[in-house]
Amino acid sequence: MGYEQWVHELKRNYDDTVQWRRHLHEYPEPSFEEKETAKFIEDKLREFEIEDIRTNVGNGYGLVARIKGSRPGPTIAFRADIDALRLQEEADVPFASKNPGIMHACGHEVHTAALLSVARVLQNNRDELKGNLVLLFQNAEECPPGGAESMVKAGCLDGVDYVFGLHVMSSVEVGKVGYLRHYGSACSDTFNIRIQGRGGHGAMPHTAIDPVVIGANVITQLQSLVSRYVDPLKPAVLTFAGFQAGGVADNIIADSAFLNGTVRTLNSEVRDLMEEQIRKMSDAIISSFGGKAQIEYRRGYPSVENTPEETEKLKKVLLSKFGESNVLELTVSMGGEDFAYYLKQRPGAFFYVGAGNSKINADFPHHHPKFKVDETSMICGGEAFLALAEDYLL
């Protein structure tokens, strides 16, 4: 039996998998509100006769299920995230979201359906397994503080030896899979800077403390952090996403201004440096103009750090099943991903599955209102999970 038979069953599941995915896509729920999504997942797992299921794990609607093999061996965990985004869908699909202003624009319902199919296959073949499989259906990946850290604290990794997660990518052609040797994502932090100046008449700037001028200097000067403070071999991104001040009339100097943005880093020392210098430099610049600073820096998800041994094993497994032409070594993006919290506790790896297909307009970026995927990516994702299960549990 083994992998070939598993894949045969996975492909036999495909029509059901598509149906599950489309149902979830039609009825998306945003972070921390995935009540019906979690109920759908639980119902399917019980249909598969999986009995060891924990619900409401962590800070929301996380689920943890266990498939117990017939013989002793390691326990591995596979994770799928289940939440959608607050975004109005514009994709030309017959199963578009029926929930206004909410959309699966990142592929989480694809991950969920693919893992459900894997769960059905391995539950049916559990007598072959030397070890156990833990299924992590995680809430709230899109919205910090996320669901992963709380699920870990709630014991979702108890007894788990290795953990793996996948993510579809519309920028990678369907049929291809990708791995990353070290970092799988960046630390994703955010900040707010409130500048208190003194309002006044636009014709008499000397009587005011102009927060717009101060804010412009803060934005300009802080760009030197990346170019002059950070080791050029250690990536860092500083982006100002907003600048709000005044604007009610052309001749009024605003009383205050508000800046906000994000910082992305890989290295923890660079992360510490960026926070320290943003606080220090912003306060110094604002004070030098006579203003007052209120700075809030919020640490988001840490970077995903794939462990070397498991990454190398993942690479070999993917090459053996997909062939050299379909396995890519990817470069890390500076996006955030709370799968990082699992890898802080257990060895494992995060990898990517191609879902792009320009022939069906499935090439819009993630978080775009027209985001689409090639649904056959669910077979590829399932095959990758099954290949790992074969390697660790047979």
Protein backbone atom coordinates (compact mmCIF):
# COMPACT_ATOMS: atom_id res chain seq x y z
CA MET A 1 0.00 0.00 0.00
CA GLY A 2 1.68 3.24 1.12
CA TYR A 3 2.11 6.46 -0.79
CA GLU A 4 0.91 5.39 -4.24
CA GLN A 5 -2.34 4.07 -2.83
CA TRP A 6 -2.73 7.18 -0.67
CA VAL A 7 -2.35 9.44 -3.70
CA HIS A 8 -4.88 7.35 -5.60
CA GLU A 9 -7.36 7.91 -2.77
CA LEU A 10 -6.48 11.60 -2.59
CA LYS A 11 -7.30 12.01 -6.28
CA ARG A 12 -10.49 10.05 -5.80
CA ASN A 13 -11.38 12.61 -3.13
CA TYR A 14 -10.83 15.52 -5.49
CA ASP A 15 -14.45 16.29 -6.33
CA ASP A 16 -15.32 16.31 -2.63
CA THR A 17 -12.28 18.44 -1.87
CA VAL A 18 -13.36 21.00 -4.45
CA GLN A 19 -16.87 21.01 -2.98
CA TRP A 20 -15.49 21.58 0.54
CA ARG A 21 -13.25 24.38 -0.67
CA ARG A 22 -16.03 26.12 -2.59
CA HIS A 23 -18.38 25.92 0.38
CA LEU A 24 -15.77 27.51 2.61
CA HIS A 25 -15.07 30.13 -0.05
CA GLU A 26 -18.75 31.03 -0.31
CA TYR A 27 -19.10 31.42 3.45
CA PRO A 28 -15.85 33.00 4.63
CA GLU A 29 -15.37 34.16 8.20
CA PRO A 30 -12.69 36.62 9.36
CA SER A 31 -10.16 36.11 12.13
CA PHE A 32 -11.63 35.23 15.54
CA GLU A 33 -15.09 34.74 13.98
CA GLU A 34 -14.62 31.34 12.29
CA LYS A 35 -17.42 29.61 14.23
CA GLU A 36 -19.25 28.02 11.27
CA THR A 37 -15.97 27.23 9.50
CA ALA A 38 -14.77 25.32 12.55
CA LYS A 39 -18.10 23.50 12.82
CA PHE A 40 -17.84 22.48 9.14
CA ILE A 41 -14.33 21.11 9.72
CA GLU A 42 -15.38 19.24 12.85
CA ASP A 43 -18.35 17.68 11.05
CA LYS A 44 -16.11 16.45 8.23
CA LEU A 45 -13.56 14.98 10.64
CA ARG A 46 -16.34 13.12 12.44
CA GLU A 47 -17.64 11.86 9.09
CA PHE A 48 -14.16 10.39 8.59
CA GLU A 49 -14.59 8.67 12.00
CA ILE A 50 -11.83 10.68 13.61
CA GLU A 51 -12.84 10.77 17.26
CA ASP A 52 -9.95 12.52 19.01
CA ILE A 53 -10.94 16.14 18.31
CA ARG A 54 -10.48 19.23 20.46
CA THR A 55 -12.43 22.37 19.59
CA ASN A 56 -12.11 26.01 20.62
CA VAL A 57 -8.39 25.52 21.16
CA GLY A 58 -6.48 28.67 22.04
CA ASN A 59 -7.96 32.14 21.69
CA GLY A 60 -10.69 31.27 19.21
CA TYR A 61 -12.04 28.48 17.04
CA GLY A 62 -8.91 26.40 16.60
CA LEU A 63 -9.27 22.63 16.20
CA VAL A 64 -6.78 19.87 16.99
CA ALA A 65 -7.46 16.31 15.81
CA ARG A 66 -5.34 13.18 16.11
CA ILE A 67 -5.06 10.11 13.90
CA LYS A 68 -3.43 7.29 15.86
CA GLY A 69 -1.38 4.77 13.97
CA SER A 70 -1.41 1.05 14.74
CA ARG A 71 2.26 0.89 15.72
CA PRO A 72 4.60 3.10 17.73
CA GLY A 73 6.57 5.84 16.02
CA PRO A 74 6.95 9.60 15.85
CA THR A 75 4.09 12.08 15.93
CA ILE A 76 3.99 14.71 13.19
CA ALA A 77 1.64 17.66 12.86
CA PHE A 78 0.25 19.31 9.73
CA ARG A 79 -1.25 22.80 9.94
CA ALA A 80 -3.88 24.61 7.87
CA ASP A 81 -5.17 28.10 8.67
CA ILE A 82 -8.92 28.70 8.36
CA ASP A 83 -9.66 32.46 8.49
CA ALA A 84 -10.60 34.88 5.72
CA LEU A 85 -9.97 38.59 5.13
CA ARG A 86 -12.17 41.64 5.43
CA LEU A 87 -12.25 42.36 1.71
CA GLN A 88 -15.04 42.62 -0.87
CA GLU A 89 -14.62 39.89 -3.48
CA GLU A 90 -14.32 40.77 -7.16
CA ALA A 91 -13.17 37.39 -8.49
CA ASP A 92 -15.14 35.98 -11.42
CA VAL A 93 -16.09 32.64 -9.85
CA PRO A 94 -19.57 31.12 -9.50
CA PHE A 95 -18.90 30.40 -5.82
CA ALA A 96 -17.99 33.97 -4.81
CA SER A 97 -18.37 35.01 -1.20
CA LYS A 98 -21.92 35.37 0.06
CA ASN A 99 -20.73 37.29 3.10
CA PRO A 100 -20.41 40.98 2.14
CA GLY A 101 -17.01 42.50 2.78
CA ILE A 102 -15.36 39.17 3.62
CA MET A 103 -13.32 37.03 1.25
CA HIS A 104 -10.87 34.15 1.18
CA ALA A 105 -8.24 36.19 -0.63
CA CYS A 106 -5.19 34.31 0.63
CA GLY A 107 -6.03 30.66 0.05
CA HIS A 108 -6.72 29.49 3.59
CA GLU A 109 -9.83 27.60 2.50
CA VAL A 110 -7.61 25.79 -0.01
CA HIS A 111 -5.26 24.75 2.80
CA THR A 112 -8.20 23.59 4.89
CA ALA A 113 -9.83 21.52 2.15
CA ALA A 114 -6.50 19.94 1.18
CA LEU A 115 -5.77 18.95 4.78
CA LEU A 116 -9.27 17.53 5.18
CA SER A 117 -8.63 15.31 2.16
CA VAL A 118 -5.30 14.19 3.64
CA ALA A 119 -7.06 13.48 6.93
CA ARG A 120 -9.61 11.25 5.20
CA VAL A 121 -6.88 9.31 3.38
CA LEU A 122 -4.68 8.74 6.42
CA GLN A 123 -7.60 7.93 8.70
CA ASN A 124 -8.64 5.23 6.21
CA ASN A 125 -5.07 3.90 6.20
CA ARG A 126 -4.18 4.42 9.86
CA ASP A 127 -3.39 0.72 10.33
CA GLU A 128 -0.30 1.27 8.15
CA LEU A 129 1.08 4.11 10.25
CA LYS A 130 4.01 3.75 12.61
CA GLY A 131 3.23 6.79 14.69
CA ASN A 132 0.56 9.45 14.79
CA LEU A 133 -0.65 12.46 12.84
CA VAL A 134 -1.94 15.64 14.51
CA LEU A 135 -4.13 17.93 12.41
CA LEU A 136 -3.96 21.63 13.31
CA PHE A 137 -6.79 23.74 11.90
CA GLN A 138 -5.73 27.16 13.11
CA ASN A 139 -7.85 30.25 13.53
CA ALA A 140 -6.87 33.89 13.02
CA GLU A 141 -3.61 33.73 11.08
CA GLU A 142 -4.41 37.01 9.34
CA CYS A 143 -4.93 39.15 12.43
CA PRO A 144 -2.29 39.56 15.16
CA PRO A 145 -1.92 38.28 17.81
CA GLY A 146 -3.05 35.36 15.63
CA GLY A 147 -4.11 31.92 16.71
CA ALA A 148 -0.88 29.92 16.58
CA GLU A 149 0.77 31.16 19.77
CA SER A 150 -2.39 30.61 21.81
CA MET A 151 -2.89 27.12 20.36
CA VAL A 152 0.68 26.22 21.31
CA LYS A 153 0.06 27.48 24.85
CA ALA A 154 -3.13 25.39 24.91
CA GLY A 155 -1.07 22.26 24.22
CA CYS A 156 -1.68 21.63 20.52
CA LEU A 157 1.91 20.39 20.15
CA ASP A 158 1.89 18.13 23.20
CA GLY A 159 3.45 14.84 22.13
CA VAL A 160 4.31 16.22 18.67
CA ASP A 161 7.86 15.61 17.39
CA TYR A 162 7.77 17.52 14.06
CA VAL A 163 5.46 20.13 12.54
CA PHE A 164 4.90 21.17 8.93
CA GLY A 165 2.74 23.77 7.22
CA LEU A 166 2.06 24.80 3.65
CA HIS A 167 0.78 27.86 1.83
CA VAL A 168 -0.46 28.19 -1.75
CA MET A 169 1.18 30.86 -3.92
CA SER A 170 -0.48 32.49 -6.89
CA SER A 171 2.93 33.69 -8.08
CA VAL A 172 4.16 30.10 -8.51
CA GLU A 173 2.84 27.95 -11.34
CA VAL A 174 0.46 25.19 -10.31
CA GLY A 175 2.18 21.80 -10.21
CA LYS A 176 5.33 23.19 -8.63
CA VAL A 177 6.29 23.20 -4.96
CA GLY A 178 8.84 25.34 -3.21
CA TYR A 179 10.93 25.21 -0.05
CA LEU A 180 13.12 27.71 1.79
CA ARG A 181 16.38 26.70 3.41
CA HIS A 182 16.14 28.94 6.47
CA TYR A 183 13.70 31.79 6.87
CA GLY A 184 10.17 31.24 5.62
CA SER A 185 8.82 34.68 6.49
CA ALA A 186 9.79 37.89 8.27
CA CYS A 187 9.15 39.35 11.70
CA SER A 188 6.19 41.65 11.13
CA ASP A 189 5.97 44.63 13.48
CA THR A 190 3.90 47.81 13.34
CA PHE A 191 4.21 51.28 14.83
CA ASN A 192 2.22 54.47 15.45
CA ILE A 193 3.81 57.89 15.99
CA ARG A 194 1.62 60.71 17.26
CA ILE A 195 3.11 64.18 16.97
CA GLN A 196 1.67 66.88 19.17
CA GLY A 197 2.48 70.30 17.79
CA ARG A 198 0.67 73.61 18.14
CA GLY A 199 -1.88 74.69 15.61
CA GLY A 200 -2.03 78.12 14.06
CA HIS A 201 -2.70 80.31 11.05
CA GLY A 202 -1.01 79.34 7.81
CA ALA A 203 0.14 82.93 7.32
CA MET A 204 1.90 83.00 10.72
CA PRO A 205 3.89 79.75 10.96
CA HIS A 206 6.27 81.28 13.51
CA THR A 207 3.46 81.19 16.10
CA ALA A 208 2.82 77.50 15.60
CA ILE A 209 4.67 74.18 15.88
CA ASP A 210 3.88 72.52 12.57
CA PRO A 211 3.37 68.74 12.95
CA VAL A 212 3.29 68.30 9.17
CA VAL A 213 6.83 69.58 8.77
CA ILE A 214 7.90 67.50 11.77
CA GLY A 215 6.24 64.39 10.33
CA ALA A 216 7.90 64.91 6.96
CA ASN A 217 11.27 65.03 8.70
CA VAL A 218 10.53 61.90 10.70
CA ILE A 219 9.63 59.99 7.52
CA THR A 220 12.68 61.23 5.64
CA GLN A 221 15.20 60.74 8.42
CA LEU A 222 14.01 57.29 9.48
CA GLN A 223 14.69 55.97 5.99
CA SER A 224 18.38 56.15 6.91
CA LEU A 225 17.82 53.38 9.45
CA VAL A 226 17.90 50.68 6.80
CA SER A 227 20.59 52.28 4.65
CA ARG A 228 22.95 53.36 7.43
CA TYR A 229 22.25 51.42 10.62
CA VAL A 230 21.46 47.89 9.44
CA ASP A 231 24.01 45.39 8.12
CA PRO A 232 23.30 45.30 4.35
CA LEU A 233 23.52 41.49 4.46
CA LYS A 234 20.59 41.34 6.90
CA PRO A 235 17.31 42.42 5.28
CA ALA A 236 15.06 45.06 6.80
CA VAL A 237 12.04 46.96 5.48
CA LEU A 238 10.61 50.17 6.92
CA THR A 239 7.37 51.37 5.35
CA PHE A 240 5.27 54.35 6.36
CA ALA A 241 1.71 53.47 5.46
CA GLY A 242 -0.12 56.55 6.67
CA PHE A 243 0.28 60.27 7.44
CA GLN A 244 -2.79 62.09 8.73
CA ALA A 245 -2.83 65.75 9.69
CA GLY A 246 -5.13 68.71 9.20
CA GLY A 247 -6.49 69.29 5.71
CA VAL A 248 -9.77 70.90 6.79
CA ALA A 249 -8.69 74.24 5.31
CA ASP A 250 -5.80 75.51 3.22
CA ASN A 251 -4.71 78.15 5.73
CA ILE A 252 -4.72 76.19 9.00
CA ILE A 253 -1.63 74.61 10.52
CA ALA A 254 -2.69 71.38 12.17
CA ASP A 255 -2.38 70.84 15.90
CA SER A 256 -1.25 67.21 15.64
CA ALA A 257 -0.23 64.52 13.17
CA PHE A 258 -0.31 60.74 13.10
CA LEU A 259 2.11 58.40 11.31
CA ASN A 260 1.85 54.63 11.09
CA GLY A 261 3.67 51.86 9.31
CA THR A 262 5.34 48.48 9.42
CA VAL A 263 8.82 47.05 10.00
CA ARG A 264 9.91 43.71 8.53
CA THR A 265 13.11 41.95 9.57
CA LEU A 266 14.51 38.43 9.63
CA ASN A 267 17.26 38.64 12.23
CA SER A 268 16.25 39.17 15.89
CA GLU A 269 19.14 41.58 16.53
CA VAL A 270 18.07 43.72 13.58
CA ARG A 271 14.51 43.63 14.89
CA ASP A 272 15.70 44.97 18.26
CA LEU A 273 17.81 47.64 16.55
CA MET A 274 14.93 48.87 14.40
CA GLU A 275 12.58 49.24 17.36
CA GLU A 276 15.19 51.00 19.48
CA GLN A 277 16.18 53.45 16.76
CA ILE A 278 12.63 54.23 15.63
CA ARG A 279 11.79 55.19 19.19
CA LYS A 280 15.01 57.12 19.76
CA MET A 281 15.20 58.96 16.45
CA SER A 282 11.50 59.83 16.28
CA ASP A 283 11.55 61.29 19.77
CA ALA A 284 14.73 63.28 19.05
CA ILE A 285 13.44 64.71 15.75
CA ILE A 286 10.05 65.65 17.15
CA SER A 287 11.57 67.21 20.27
CA SER A 288 14.06 69.21 18.21
CA PHE A 289 11.14 71.01 16.53
CA GLY A 290 9.42 71.67 19.84
CA GLY A 291 6.79 68.96 19.48
CA LYS A 292 5.90 66.09 21.74
CA ALA A 293 6.08 62.44 20.68
CA GLN A 294 3.88 59.51 21.58
CA ILE A 295 5.35 56.34 20.06
CA GLU A 296 3.74 52.91 20.09
CA TYR A 297 5.69 49.97 18.68
CA ARG A 298 3.91 46.61 18.48
CA ARG A 299 5.74 43.37 17.88
CA GLY A 300 3.85 41.06 15.57
CA TYR A 301 4.73 37.56 14.44
CA PRO A 302 8.35 36.45 14.66
CA SER A 303 10.08 35.17 11.54
CA VAL A 304 9.46 31.60 10.41
CA GLU A 305 12.75 29.75 10.88
CA ASN A 306 12.78 26.35 9.21
CA THR A 307 15.03 23.87 10.98
CA PRO A 308 17.93 22.64 8.79
CA GLU A 309 17.51 18.88 9.16
CA GLU A 310 13.76 18.91 8.49
CA THR A 311 14.18 21.32 5.59
CA GLU A 312 16.71 19.03 3.98
CA LYS A 313 14.41 16.07 4.49
CA LEU A 314 11.49 18.06 3.03
CA LYS A 315 13.59 18.90 -0.02
CA LYS A 316 14.52 15.25 -0.62
CA VAL A 317 10.93 14.13 -0.16
CA LEU A 318 9.61 16.73 -2.61
CA LEU A 319 12.29 15.93 -5.20
CA SER A 320 11.49 12.22 -4.98
CA LYS A 321 7.78 12.77 -5.61
CA PHE A 322 7.58 15.86 -7.84
CA GLY A 323 10.87 15.69 -9.76
CA GLU A 324 13.66 18.25 -10.01
CA SER A 325 11.88 20.43 -12.60
CA ASN A 326 8.90 20.96 -10.27
CA VAL A 327 10.75 21.68 -7.01
CA LEU A 328 11.94 25.24 -6.45
CA GLU A 329 14.23 26.76 -3.87
CA LEU A 330 12.43 30.00 -3.10
CA THR A 331 13.75 33.25 -1.70
CA VAL A 332 12.12 34.50 1.46
CA SER A 333 9.46 37.19 1.25
CA MET A 334 9.11 39.81 3.95
CA GLY A 335 5.52 38.85 4.67
CA GLY A 336 4.43 37.70 8.12
CA GLU A 337 3.17 34.26 9.16
CA ASP A 338 2.38 33.00 12.65
CA PHE A 339 3.46 29.45 11.79
CA ALA A 340 6.66 30.79 13.37
CA TYR A 341 5.31 29.98 16.83
CA TYR A 342 5.10 26.25 16.08
CA LEU A 343 8.70 26.18 14.88
CA LYS A 344 9.86 27.90 18.05
CA GLN A 345 8.65 24.79 19.91
CA ARG A 346 9.27 21.91 17.51
CA PRO A 347 11.51 21.16 14.51
CA GLY A 348 9.85 21.35 11.11
CA ALA A 349 9.41 23.46 8.01
CA PHE A 350 7.01 25.71 6.14
CA PHE A 351 6.73 25.26 2.38
CA TYR A 352 4.80 26.59 -0.60
CA VAL A 353 2.58 25.06 -3.26
CA GLY A 354 2.06 26.67 -6.65
CA ALA A 355 -1.53 27.74 -7.37
CA GLY A 356 -1.03 30.17 -10.25
CA ASN A 357 -2.53 29.69 -13.69
CA SER A 358 -2.74 32.70 -16.01
CA LYS A 359 -5.11 30.82 -18.34
CA ILE A 360 -7.88 31.12 -15.75
CA ASN A 361 -6.72 34.50 -14.37
CA ALA A 362 -5.37 32.82 -11.27
CA ASP A 363 -2.38 35.13 -11.08
CA PHE A 364 -3.56 38.02 -8.93
CA PRO A 365 -1.51 38.61 -5.78
CA HIS A 366 -2.67 37.44 -2.39
CA HIS A 367 -5.02 39.84 -0.57
CA HIS A 368 -6.28 41.17 -3.91
CA PRO A 369 -10.10 41.30 -4.40
CA LYS A 370 -9.70 39.26 -7.62
CA PHE A 371 -7.47 36.60 -6.05
CA LYS A 372 -8.04 33.11 -7.48
CA VAL A 373 -6.26 29.77 -7.39
CA ASP A 374 -6.04 26.74 -9.63
CA GLU A 375 -7.89 24.19 -7.52
CA THR A 376 -5.63 21.34 -8.64
CA SER A 377 -3.10 22.89 -6.26
CA MET A 378 -5.04 21.04 -3.55
CA ILE A 379 -3.87 17.76 -5.03
CA CYS A 380 -0.26 18.97 -5.03
CA GLY A 381 -0.54 20.16 -1.46
CA GLY A 382 -2.13 16.90 -0.41
CA GLU A 383 0.57 14.89 -2.19
CA ALA A 384 3.27 16.87 -0.38
CA PHE A 385 1.68 16.24 3.01
CA LEU A 386 1.26 12.53 2.18
CA ALA A 387 4.89 12.31 1.07
CA LEU A 388 5.97 13.67 4.45
CA ALA A 389 3.64 11.24 6.20
CA GLU A 390 5.21 8.36 4.28
CA ASP A 391 8.72 9.50 5.18
CA TYR A 392 8.04 9.90 8.89
CA LEU A 393 5.35 7.30 9.57
CA LEU A 394 6.03 4.28 7.32
